[in-house]
Amino acid sequence: MPPKTSPSKKKGADFEQSLSTLESLVNRMEQGDMTLEESLQAFESGIALTRECQTRLAAAEQQVNKLIEQQGNISIESFDADEGDA
């Protein structure tokens, strides 16, 4: 039986997919063949993808910092951005 994909593996794949989609979108926009409406829609999608990628990178950075701070007691804990807002 193949190993199950962990949730963190899935998030990594989602990040890579989002980044790839963003790169494709930028390439299409740089070609200059889009109408104004298509360009605006692509720009809006690009902004959403950029924010999504930035959020995932920030969460990954938080996890790395948490691991570094534990100095020797390395364990991976899920980081929930909403936990500190309560």
PDB file of N, CA and C in Angstrom:
ATOM      1  N   MET A   1       0.853  -1.184   0.000  1.00  0.00           N
ATOM      2  CA  MET A   1       0.000   0.000   0.000  1.00  0.00           C
ATOM      3  C   MET A   1       0.895   1.241   0.000  1.00  0.00           C
ATOM      4  N   PRO A   2       0.680   2.217  -0.888  1.00  0.00           N
ATOM      5  CA  PRO A   2       1.520   3.420  -0.932  1.00  0.00           C
ATOM      6  C   PRO A   2       1.283   4.285   0.297  1.00  0.00           C
ATOM      7  N   PRO A   3       2.329   4.994   0.741  1.00  0.00           N
ATOM      8  CA  PRO A   3       2.165   5.865   1.917  1.00  0.00           C
ATOM      9  C   PRO A   3       1.191   6.995   1.615  1.00  0.00           C
ATOM     10  N   LYS A   4       0.444   7.371   2.634  1.00  0.00           N
ATOM     11  CA  LYS A   4      -0.505   8.475   2.486  1.00  0.00           C
ATOM     12  C   LYS A   4       0.240   9.793   2.442  1.00  0.00           C
ATOM     13  N   THR A   5      -0.280  10.731   1.680  1.00  0.00           N
ATOM     14  CA  THR A   5       0.315  12.054   1.608  1.00  0.00           C
ATOM     15  C   THR A   5      -0.106  12.843   2.842  1.00  0.00           C
ATOM     16  N   SER A   6       0.876  13.375   3.537  1.00  0.00           N
ATOM     17  CA  SER A   6       0.567  14.136   4.746  1.00  0.00           C
ATOM     18  C   SER A   6      -0.005  15.498   4.355  1.00  0.00           C
ATOM     19  N   PRO A   7      -0.744  16.134   5.270  1.00  0.00           N
ATOM     20  CA  PRO A   7      -1.306  17.450   4.966  1.00  0.00           C
ATOM     21  C   PRO A   7      -0.242  18.472   4.588  1.00  0.00           C
ATOM     22  N   SER A   8       0.944  18.425   5.234  1.00  0.00           N
ATOM     23  CA  SER A   8       1.992  19.387   4.906  1.00  0.00           C
ATOM     24  C   SER A   8       2.522  19.140   3.498  1.00  0.00           C
ATOM     25  N   LYS A   9       2.545  17.885   3.049  1.00  0.00           N
ATOM     26  CA  LYS A   9       2.963  17.567   1.688  1.00  0.00           C
ATOM     27  C   LYS A   9       1.971  18.146   0.692  1.00  0.00           C
ATOM     28  N   LYS A  10       0.687  18.062   1.011  1.00  0.00           N
ATOM     29  CA  LYS A  10      -0.375  18.600   0.159  1.00  0.00           C
ATOM     30  C   LYS A  10      -0.237  20.112   0.049  1.00  0.00           C
ATOM     31  N   LYS A  11       0.032  20.800   1.168  1.00  0.00           N
ATOM     32  CA  LYS A  11       0.187  22.245   1.133  1.00  0.00           C
ATOM     33  C   LYS A  11       1.365  22.639   0.259  1.00  0.00           C
ATOM     34  N   GLY A  12       2.460  21.865   0.320  1.00  0.00           N
ATOM     35  CA  GLY A  12       3.620  22.129  -0.522  1.00  0.00           C
ATOM     36  C   GLY A  12       3.267  22.005  -1.992  1.00  0.00           C
ATOM     37  N   ALA A  13       2.505  20.980  -2.317  1.00  0.00           N
ATOM     38  CA  ALA A  13       2.083  20.789  -3.698  1.00  0.00           C
ATOM     39  C   ALA A  13       1.169  21.934  -4.128  1.00  0.00           C
ATOM     40  N   ASP A  14       0.292  22.373  -3.253  1.00  0.00           N
ATOM     41  CA  ASP A  14      -0.589  23.502  -3.555  1.00  0.00           C
ATOM     42  C   ASP A  14       0.228  24.772  -3.793  1.00  0.00           C
ATOM     43  N   PHE A  15       1.261  24.980  -2.996  1.00  0.00           N
ATOM     44  CA  PHE A  15       2.114  26.147  -3.165  1.00  0.00           C
ATOM     45  C   PHE A  15       2.793  26.095  -4.526  1.00  0.00           C
ATOM     46  N   GLU A  16       3.353  24.946  -4.856  1.00  0.00           N
ATOM     47  CA  GLU A  16       4.038  24.798  -6.139  1.00  0.00           C
ATOM     48  C   GLU A  16       3.074  25.019  -7.297  1.00  0.00           C
ATOM     49  N   GLN A  17       1.862  24.514  -7.174  1.00  0.00           N
ATOM     50  CA  GLN A  17       0.858  24.701  -8.228  1.00  0.00           C
ATOM     51  C   GLN A  17       0.484  26.175  -8.363  1.00  0.00           C
ATOM     52  N   SER A  18       0.288  26.845  -7.227  1.00  0.00           N
ATOM     53  CA  SER A  18      -0.052  28.273  -7.250  1.00  0.00           C
ATOM     54  C   SER A  18       1.068  29.083  -7.885  1.00  0.00           C
ATOM     55  N   LEU A  19       2.298  28.760  -7.532  1.00  0.00           N
ATOM     56  CA  LEU A  19       3.439  29.477  -8.082  1.00  0.00           C
ATOM     57  C   LEU A  19       3.563  29.243  -9.584  1.00  0.00           C
ATOM     58  N   SER A  20       3.349  28.018 -10.007  1.00  0.00           N
ATOM     59  CA  SER A  20       3.407  27.691 -11.431  1.00  0.00           C
ATOM     60  C   SER A  20       2.311  28.430 -12.203  1.00  0.00           C
ATOM     61  N   THR A  21       1.113  28.464 -11.634  1.00  0.00           N
ATOM     62  CA  THR A  21      -0.002  29.180 -12.262  1.00  0.00           C
ATOM     63  C   THR A  21       0.315  30.669 -12.364  1.00  0.00           C
ATOM     64  N   LEU A  22       0.884  31.214 -11.320  1.00  0.00           N
ATOM     65  CA  LEU A  22       1.261  32.633 -11.316  1.00  0.00           C
ATOM     66  C   LEU A  22       2.312  32.921 -12.392  1.00  0.00           C
ATOM     67  N   GLU A  23       3.296  32.052 -12.511  1.00  0.00           N
ATOM     68  CA  GLU A  23       4.332  32.241 -13.533  1.00  0.00           C
ATOM     69  C   GLU A  23       3.733  32.196 -14.938  1.00  0.00           C
ATOM     70  N   SER A  24       2.823  31.264 -15.172  1.00  0.00           N
ATOM     71  CA  SER A  24       2.167  31.165 -16.477  1.00  0.00           C
ATOM     72  C   SER A  24       1.357  32.423 -16.777  1.00  0.00           C
ATOM     73  N   LEU A  25       0.677  32.908 -15.769  1.00  0.00           N
ATOM     74  CA  LEU A  25      -0.139  34.106 -15.916  1.00  0.00           C
ATOM     75  C   LEU A  25       0.728  35.315 -16.269  1.00  0.00           C
ATOM     76  N   VAL A  26       1.842  35.452 -15.588  1.00  0.00           N
ATOM     77  CA  VAL A  26       2.762  36.561 -15.866  1.00  0.00           C
ATOM     78  C   VAL A  26       3.307  36.451 -17.288  1.00  0.00           C
ATOM     79  N   ASN A  27       3.661  35.250 -17.699  1.00  0.00           N
ATOM     80  CA  ASN A  27       4.165  35.061 -19.074  1.00  0.00           C
ATOM     81  C   ASN A  27       3.126  35.470 -20.106  1.00  0.00           C
ATOM     82  N   ARG A  28       1.876  35.086 -19.880  1.00  0.00           N
ATOM     83  CA  ARG A  28       0.800  35.470 -20.816  1.00  0.00           C
ATOM     84  C   ARG A  28       0.635  36.984 -20.865  1.00  0.00           C
ATOM     85  N   MET A  29       0.693  37.621 -19.699  1.00  0.00           N
ATOM     86  CA  MET A  29       0.523  39.071 -19.645  1.00  0.00           C
ATOM     87  C   MET A  29       1.682  39.784 -20.346  1.00  0.00           C
ATOM     88  N   GLU A  30       2.891  39.255 -20.184  1.00  0.00           N
ATOM     89  CA  GLU A  30       4.067  39.882 -20.796  1.00  0.00           C
ATOM     90  C   GLU A  30       4.046  39.804 -22.319  1.00  0.00           C
ATOM     91  N   GLN A  31       3.325  38.837 -22.873  1.00  0.00           N
ATOM     92  CA  GLN A  31       3.242  38.713 -24.329  1.00  0.00           C
ATOM     93  C   GLN A  31       2.463  39.873 -24.941  1.00  0.00           C
ATOM     94  N   GLY A  32       1.583  40.496 -24.172  1.00  0.00           N
ATOM     95  CA  GLY A  32       0.856  41.663 -24.639  1.00  0.00           C
ATOM     96  C   GLY A  32      -0.282  41.364 -25.595  1.00  0.00           C
ATOM     97  N   ASP A  33      -0.716  40.129 -25.681  1.00  0.00           N
ATOM     98  CA  ASP A  33      -1.780  39.745 -26.610  1.00  0.00           C
ATOM     99  C   ASP A  33      -3.163  39.737 -25.975  1.00  0.00           C
ATOM    100  N   MET A  34      -3.282  40.172 -24.736  1.00  0.00           N
ATOM    101  CA  MET A  34      -4.559  40.121 -24.025  1.00  0.00           C
ATOM    102  C   MET A  34      -5.317  41.437 -24.200  1.00  0.00           C
ATOM    103  N   THR A  35      -6.636  41.333 -24.181  1.00  0.00           N
ATOM    104  CA  THR A  35      -7.454  42.543 -24.199  1.00  0.00           C
ATOM    105  C   THR A  35      -7.345  43.222 -22.840  1.00  0.00           C
ATOM    106  N   LEU A  36      -7.854  44.430 -22.765  1.00  0.00           N
ATOM    107  CA  LEU A  36      -7.823  45.149 -21.498  1.00  0.00           C
ATOM    108  C   LEU A  36      -8.576  44.373 -20.419  1.00  0.00           C
ATOM    109  N   GLU A  37      -9.755  43.870 -20.763  1.00  0.00           N
ATOM    110  CA  GLU A  37     -10.562  43.111 -19.799  1.00  0.00           C
ATOM    111  C   GLU A  37      -9.821  41.856 -19.334  1.00  0.00           C
ATOM    112  N   GLU A  38      -9.204  41.144 -20.275  1.00  0.00           N
ATOM    113  CA  GLU A  38      -8.440  39.940 -19.929  1.00  0.00           C
ATOM    114  C   GLU A  38      -7.245  40.295 -19.054  1.00  0.00           C
ATOM    115  N   SER A  39      -6.614  41.410 -19.366  1.00  0.00           N
ATOM    116  CA  SER A  39      -5.462  41.847 -18.573  1.00  0.00           C
ATOM    117  C   SER A  39      -5.869  42.183 -17.147  1.00  0.00           C
ATOM    118  N   LEU A  40      -6.987  42.875 -16.999  1.00  0.00           N
ATOM    119  CA  LEU A  40      -7.467  43.225 -15.652  1.00  0.00           C
ATOM    120  C   LEU A  40      -7.828  41.976 -14.851  1.00  0.00           C
ATOM    121  N   GLN A  41      -8.485  41.036 -15.521  1.00  0.00           N
ATOM    122  CA  GLN A  41      -8.853  39.792 -14.851  1.00  0.00           C
ATOM    123  C   GLN A  41      -7.601  39.001 -14.466  1.00  0.00           C
ATOM    124  N   ALA A  42      -6.616  38.958 -15.361  1.00  0.00           N
ATOM    125  CA  ALA A  42      -5.363  38.254 -15.081  1.00  0.00           C
ATOM    126  C   ALA A  42      -4.619  38.921 -13.936  1.00  0.00           C
ATOM    127  N   PHE A  43      -4.625  40.247 -13.917  1.00  0.00           N
ATOM    128  CA  PHE A  43      -3.963  40.986 -12.837  1.00  0.00           C
ATOM    129  C   PHE A  43      -4.612  40.669 -11.492  1.00  0.00           C
ATOM    130  N   GLU A  44      -5.939  40.656 -11.472  1.00  0.00           N
ATOM    131  CA  GLU A  44      -6.675  40.341 -10.241  1.00  0.00           C
ATOM    132  C   GLU A  44      -6.344  38.922  -9.763  1.00  0.00           C
ATOM    133  N   SER A  45      -6.313  37.978 -10.693  1.00  0.00           N
ATOM    134  CA  SER A  45      -5.964  36.593 -10.344  1.00  0.00           C
ATOM    135  C   SER A  45      -4.530  36.513  -9.837  1.00  0.00           C
ATOM    136  N   GLY A  46      -3.647  37.259 -10.475  1.00  0.00           N
ATOM    137  CA  GLY A  46      -2.238  37.278 -10.062  1.00  0.00           C
ATOM    138  C   GLY A  46      -2.054  37.811  -8.661  1.00  0.00           C
ATOM    139  N   ILE A  47      -2.794  38.862  -8.325  1.00  0.00           N
ATOM    140  CA  ILE A  47      -2.719  39.420  -6.968  1.00  0.00           C
ATOM    141  C   ILE A  47      -3.182  38.386  -5.946  1.00  0.00           C
ATOM    142  N   ALA A  48      -4.283  37.681  -6.238  1.00  0.00           N
ATOM    143  CA  ALA A  48      -4.802  36.657  -5.321  1.00  0.00           C
ATOM    144  C   ALA A  48      -3.783  35.522  -5.155  1.00  0.00           C
ATOM    145  N   LEU A  49      -3.183  35.080  -6.252  1.00  0.00           N
ATOM    146  CA  LEU A  49      -2.177  34.014  -6.174  1.00  0.00           C
ATOM    147  C   LEU A  49      -0.948  34.466  -5.395  1.00  0.00           C
ATOM    148  N   THR A  50      -0.529  35.711  -5.601  1.00  0.00           N
ATOM    149  CA  THR A  50       0.621  36.253  -4.881  1.00  0.00           C
ATOM    150  C   THR A  50       0.360  36.266  -3.385  1.00  0.00           C
ATOM    151  N   ARG A  51      -0.816  36.723  -2.984  1.00  0.00           N
ATOM    152  CA  ARG A  51      -1.166  36.757  -1.554  1.00  0.00           C
ATOM    153  C   ARG A  51      -1.211  35.355  -0.966  1.00  0.00           C
ATOM    154  N   GLU A  52      -1.760  34.417  -1.728  1.00  0.00           N
ATOM    155  CA  GLU A  52      -1.834  33.024  -1.271  1.00  0.00           C
ATOM    156  C   GLU A  52      -0.427  32.461  -1.058  1.00  0.00           C
ATOM    157  N   CYS A  53       0.463  32.703  -2.009  1.00  0.00           N
ATOM    158  CA  CYS A  53       1.841  32.214  -1.890  1.00  0.00           C
ATOM    159  C   CYS A  53       2.560  32.878  -0.714  1.00  0.00           C
ATOM    160  N   GLN A  54       2.362  34.172  -0.539  1.00  0.00           N
ATOM    161  CA  GLN A  54       2.996  34.879   0.571  1.00  0.00           C
ATOM    162  C   GLN A  54       2.522  34.341   1.915  1.00  0.00           C
ATOM    163  N   THR A  55       1.238  34.022   2.020  1.00  0.00           N
ATOM    164  CA  THR A  55       0.687  33.471   3.256  1.00  0.00           C
ATOM    165  C   THR A  55       1.321  32.116   3.558  1.00  0.00           C
ATOM    166  N   ARG A  56       1.441  31.283   2.537  1.00  0.00           N
ATOM    167  CA  ARG A  56       2.044  29.955   2.730  1.00  0.00           C
ATOM    168  C   ARG A  56       3.517  30.063   3.089  1.00  0.00           C
ATOM    169  N   LEU A  57       4.219  30.995   2.471  1.00  0.00           N
ATOM    170  CA  LEU A  57       5.629  31.190   2.805  1.00  0.00           C
ATOM    171  C   LEU A  57       5.789  31.696   4.236  1.00  0.00           C
ATOM    172  N   ALA A  58       4.921  32.582   4.662  1.00  0.00           N
ATOM    173  CA  ALA A  58       4.980  33.094   6.033  1.00  0.00           C
ATOM    174  C   ALA A  58       4.729  31.968   7.037  1.00  0.00           C
ATOM    175  N   ALA A  59       3.792  31.086   6.735  1.00  0.00           N
ATOM    176  CA  ALA A  59       3.508  29.951   7.617  1.00  0.00           C
ATOM    177  C   ALA A  59       4.709  29.013   7.679  1.00  0.00           C
ATOM    178  N   ALA A  60       5.353  28.787   6.543  1.00  0.00           N
ATOM    179  CA  ALA A  60       6.542  27.939   6.518  1.00  0.00           C
ATOM    180  C   ALA A  60       7.667  28.573   7.330  1.00  0.00           C
ATOM    181  N   GLU A  61       7.815  29.882   7.219  1.00  0.00           N
ATOM    182  CA  GLU A  61       8.838  30.587   7.984  1.00  0.00           C
ATOM    183  C   GLU A  61       8.562  30.472   9.481  1.00  0.00           C
ATOM    184  N   GLN A  62       7.307  30.593   9.872  1.00  0.00           N
ATOM    185  CA  GLN A  62       6.924  30.441  11.276  1.00  0.00           C
ATOM    186  C   GLN A  62       7.307  29.049  11.779  1.00  0.00           C
ATOM    187  N   GLN A  63       7.046  28.036  10.963  1.00  0.00           N
ATOM    188  CA  GLN A  63       7.353  26.667  11.365  1.00  0.00           C
ATOM    189  C   GLN A  63       8.861  26.476  11.512  1.00  0.00           C
ATOM    190  N   VAL A  64       9.645  27.019  10.575  1.00  0.00           N
ATOM    191  CA  VAL A  64      11.100  26.926  10.661  1.00  0.00           C
ATOM    192  C   VAL A  64      11.596  27.636  11.910  1.00  0.00           C
ATOM    193  N   ASN A  65      11.093  28.830  12.175  1.00  0.00           N
ATOM    194  CA  ASN A  65      11.504  29.571  13.370  1.00  0.00           C
ATOM    195  C   ASN A  65      11.164  28.804  14.639  1.00  0.00           C
ATOM    196  N   LYS A  66      10.017  28.170  14.660  1.00  0.00           N
ATOM    197  CA  LYS A  66       9.602  27.388  15.822  1.00  0.00           C
ATOM    198  C   LYS A  66      10.569  26.230  16.047  1.00  0.00           C
ATOM    199  N   LEU A  67      10.980  25.580  14.967  1.00  0.00           N
ATOM    200  CA  LEU A  67      11.928  24.476  15.078  1.00  0.00           C
ATOM    201  C   LEU A  67      13.286  24.957  15.583  1.00  0.00           C
ATOM    202  N   ILE A  68      13.728  26.078  15.077  1.00  0.00           N
ATOM    203  CA  ILE A  68      15.021  26.624  15.490  1.00  0.00           C
ATOM    204  C   ILE A  68      14.999  27.002  16.964  1.00  0.00           C
ATOM    205  N   GLU A  69      13.910  27.593  17.429  1.00  0.00           N
ATOM    206  CA  GLU A  69      13.792  28.033  18.818  1.00  0.00           C
ATOM    207  C   GLU A  69      13.791  26.877  19.802  1.00  0.00           C
ATOM    208  N   GLN A  70      13.387  25.715  19.366  1.00  0.00           N
ATOM    209  CA  GLN A  70      13.303  24.578  20.269  1.00  0.00           C
ATOM    210  C   GLN A  70      14.678  24.003  20.603  1.00  0.00           C
ATOM    211  N   GLN A  71      15.726  24.402  19.930  1.00  0.00           N
ATOM    212  CA  GLN A  71      17.114  24.048  20.214  1.00  0.00           C
ATOM    213  C   GLN A  71      17.295  22.617  20.703  1.00  0.00           C
ATOM    214  N   GLY A  72      17.207  21.702  19.795  1.00  0.00           N
ATOM    215  CA  GLY A  72      17.485  20.323  20.143  1.00  0.00           C
ATOM    216  C   GLY A  72      16.246  19.477  20.322  1.00  0.00           C
ATOM    217  N   ASN A  73      15.155  20.039  20.770  1.00  0.00           N
ATOM    218  CA  ASN A  73      13.902  19.308  20.905  1.00  0.00           C
ATOM    219  C   ASN A  73      13.089  19.512  19.636  1.00  0.00           C
ATOM    220  N   ILE A  74      13.612  18.985  18.546  1.00  0.00           N
ATOM    221  CA  ILE A  74      12.973  19.222  17.257  1.00  0.00           C
ATOM    222  C   ILE A  74      11.723  18.377  17.117  1.00  0.00           C
ATOM    223  N   SER A  75      10.625  19.075  16.948  1.00  0.00           N
ATOM    224  CA  SER A  75       9.350  18.429  16.645  1.00  0.00           C
ATOM    225  C   SER A  75       8.568  19.385  15.771  1.00  0.00           C
ATOM    226  N   ILE A  76       7.775  18.839  14.896  1.00  0.00           N
ATOM    227  CA  ILE A  76       7.008  19.679  13.990  1.00  0.00           C
ATOM    228  C   ILE A  76       5.611  19.845  14.545  1.00  0.00           C
ATOM    229  N   GLU A  77       5.217  21.096  14.712  1.00  0.00           N
ATOM    230  CA  GLU A  77       3.881  21.409  15.177  1.00  0.00           C
ATOM    231  C   GLU A  77       3.172  22.218  14.109  1.00  0.00           C
ATOM    232  N   SER A  78       1.906  21.988  13.972  1.00  0.00           N
ATOM    233  CA  SER A  78       1.114  22.735  13.009  1.00  0.00           C
ATOM    234  C   SER A  78       0.985  24.172  13.492  1.00  0.00           C
ATOM    235  N   PHE A  79       1.120  25.120  12.581  1.00  0.00           N
ATOM    236  CA  PHE A  79       0.969  26.527  12.923  1.00  0.00           C
ATOM    237  C   PHE A  79      -0.359  27.017  12.394  1.00  0.00           C
ATOM    238  N   ASP A  80      -1.188  27.518  13.285  1.00  0.00           N
ATOM    239  CA  ASP A  80      -2.491  28.059  12.898  1.00  0.00           C
ATOM    240  C   ASP A  80      -2.448  29.559  13.143  1.00  0.00           C
ATOM    241  N   ALA A  81      -2.491  30.341  12.085  1.00  0.00           N
ATOM    242  CA  ALA A  81      -2.364  31.797  12.185  1.00  0.00           C
ATOM    243  C   ALA A  81      -3.460  32.406  13.045  1.00  0.00           C
ATOM    244  N   ASP A  82      -4.593  31.772  13.170  1.00  0.00           N
ATOM    245  CA  ASP A  82      -5.715  32.305  13.953  1.00  0.00           C
ATOM    246  C   ASP A  82      -5.557  32.074  15.444  1.00  0.00           C
ATOM    247  N   GLU A  83      -4.625  31.220  15.873  1.00  0.00           N
ATOM    248  CA  GLU A  83      -4.464  30.901  17.285  1.00  0.00           C
ATOM    249  C   GLU A  83      -4.105  32.131  18.111  1.00  0.00           C
ATOM    250  N   GLY A  84      -3.217  32.976  17.613  1.00  0.00           N
ATOM    251  CA  GLY A  84      -2.765  34.127  18.375  1.00  0.00           C
ATOM    252  C   GLY A  84      -3.758  35.280  18.381  1.00  0.00           C
ATOM    253  N   ASP A  85      -4.801  35.205  17.587  1.00  0.00           N
ATOM    254  CA  ASP A  85      -5.756  36.310  17.482  1.00  0.00           C
ATOM    255  C   ASP A  85      -6.877  36.224  18.490  1.00  0.00           C
ATOM    256  N   ALA A  86      -6.940  35.169  19.273  1.00  0.00           N
ATOM    257  CA  ALA A  86      -8.053  34.970  20.202  1.00  0.00           C
ATOM    258  C   ALA A  86      -7.969  35.854  21.402  1.00  0.00           C
TER     259      ALA A  86
END
